[in-house]
């Protein structure tokens, strides 16, 4: 089992409080690049029908990266359940 926690802290890079996931004390350093985030917002603002597609793409990217980080395939649901339990099975 791997311990998983959500920690909060201040980010000088973003000049605000942020949350981060840790697994066995190691921070999962993931986020969207600013340019990618702005492009996604632009696409959604111009094509509202693509909101679900863009959101799904971002969530899939998160799951792929997190799965690689922990060394096992995980869905978003499994990540959320692990956070609630406090550990990854």
Protein backbone atom coordinates (compact mmCIF):
# COMPACT_ATOMS: atom_id res chain seq x y z
CA UNK A 1 0.00 0.00 0.00
CA UNK A 2 1.03 3.56 -0.68
CA UNK A 3 -0.03 6.48 1.50
CA UNK A 4 -1.77 9.27 -0.46
CA UNK A 5 -2.55 12.73 0.89
CA UNK A 6 -3.72 16.09 -0.34
CA UNK A 7 -1.52 18.82 1.09
CA UNK A 8 -2.05 22.57 0.94
CA UNK A 9 0.56 25.24 0.70
CA UNK A 10 1.42 28.59 -0.75
CA UNK A 11 2.95 28.68 -4.23
CA UNK A 12 5.20 31.61 -4.95
CA UNK A 13 5.12 30.63 -8.62
CA UNK A 14 1.33 31.10 -8.77
CA UNK A 15 1.12 33.63 -5.94
CA UNK A 16 -1.71 31.70 -4.23
CA UNK A 17 -2.54 28.71 -2.06
CA UNK A 18 -2.57 25.41 -3.94
CA UNK A 19 -3.31 21.76 -3.21
CA UNK A 20 -0.97 18.95 -4.18
CA UNK A 21 -1.08 15.17 -4.02
CA UNK A 22 1.65 13.27 -2.22
CA UNK A 23 2.30 9.56 -2.43
CA UNK A 24 4.50 8.17 0.34
CA UNK A 25 5.60 11.74 1.02
CA UNK A 26 6.64 12.47 -2.57
CA UNK A 27 4.82 15.37 -4.27
CA UNK A 28 3.05 14.56 -7.52
CA UNK A 29 4.13 17.64 -9.48
CA UNK A 30 1.51 17.90 -12.20
CA UNK A 31 -0.35 20.76 -13.75
CA UNK A 32 -1.30 22.21 -17.07
CA UNK A 33 1.15 24.49 -18.78
CA UNK A 34 -0.21 28.04 -18.85
CA UNK A 35 -0.27 28.12 -22.67
CA UNK A 36 -2.20 24.83 -22.79
CA UNK A 37 -4.67 26.06 -20.19
CA UNK A 38 -5.26 29.33 -22.04
CA UNK A 39 -5.73 27.46 -25.34
CA UNK A 40 -8.25 25.10 -23.71
CA UNK A 41 -10.20 28.05 -22.30
CA UNK A 42 -10.16 29.72 -25.73
CA UNK A 43 -11.46 26.60 -27.48
CA UNK A 44 -14.23 26.18 -24.91
CA UNK A 45 -15.24 29.84 -25.10
CA UNK A 46 -15.51 29.61 -28.90
CA UNK A 47 -16.99 26.11 -29.05
CA UNK A 48 -19.01 25.32 -25.94
CA UNK A 49 -19.97 21.95 -27.42
CA UNK A 50 -16.31 20.90 -26.99
CA UNK A 51 -16.29 21.48 -23.22
CA UNK A 52 -16.74 17.79 -22.38
CA UNK A 53 -14.12 16.72 -24.94
CA UNK A 54 -11.52 19.18 -23.63
CA UNK A 55 -12.27 18.30 -20.01
CA UNK A 56 -12.04 14.57 -20.75
CA UNK A 57 -8.71 15.09 -22.48
CA UNK A 58 -7.29 16.95 -19.47
CA UNK A 59 -8.56 14.32 -17.02
CA UNK A 60 -7.15 11.49 -19.15
CA UNK A 61 -3.77 13.22 -19.22
CA UNK A 62 -3.86 13.57 -15.43
CA UNK A 63 -4.70 9.87 -15.00
CA UNK A 64 -1.93 8.79 -17.38
CA UNK A 65 0.65 10.91 -15.55
CA UNK A 66 -0.53 9.86 -12.09
CA UNK A 67 -0.55 6.20 -13.11
CA UNK A 68 3.04 6.53 -14.28
CA UNK A 69 3.97 8.29 -11.03
CA UNK A 70 2.57 5.51 -8.81
CA UNK A 71 3.56 2.64 -11.11
CA UNK A 72 0.07 1.27 -11.72
CA UNK A 73 -2.88 2.14 -13.95
CA UNK A 74 -5.51 4.18 -12.14
CA UNK A 75 -8.75 5.76 -13.23
CA UNK A 76 -9.92 9.10 -11.87
CA UNK A 77 -12.47 7.27 -9.77
CA UNK A 78 -9.75 5.05 -8.28
CA UNK A 79 -7.58 8.10 -7.52
CA UNK A 80 -10.48 9.82 -5.76
CA UNK A 81 -11.33 6.66 -3.79
CA UNK A 82 -7.67 6.31 -2.77
CA UNK A 83 -7.62 9.92 -1.56
CA UNK A 84 -10.74 9.27 0.54
CA UNK A 85 -9.18 6.09 2.03
CA UNK A 86 -5.76 7.65 2.48
CA UNK A 87 -3.90 4.91 0.62
CA UNK A 88 -3.50 3.28 -2.78
CA UNK A 89 -4.04 -0.48 -2.78
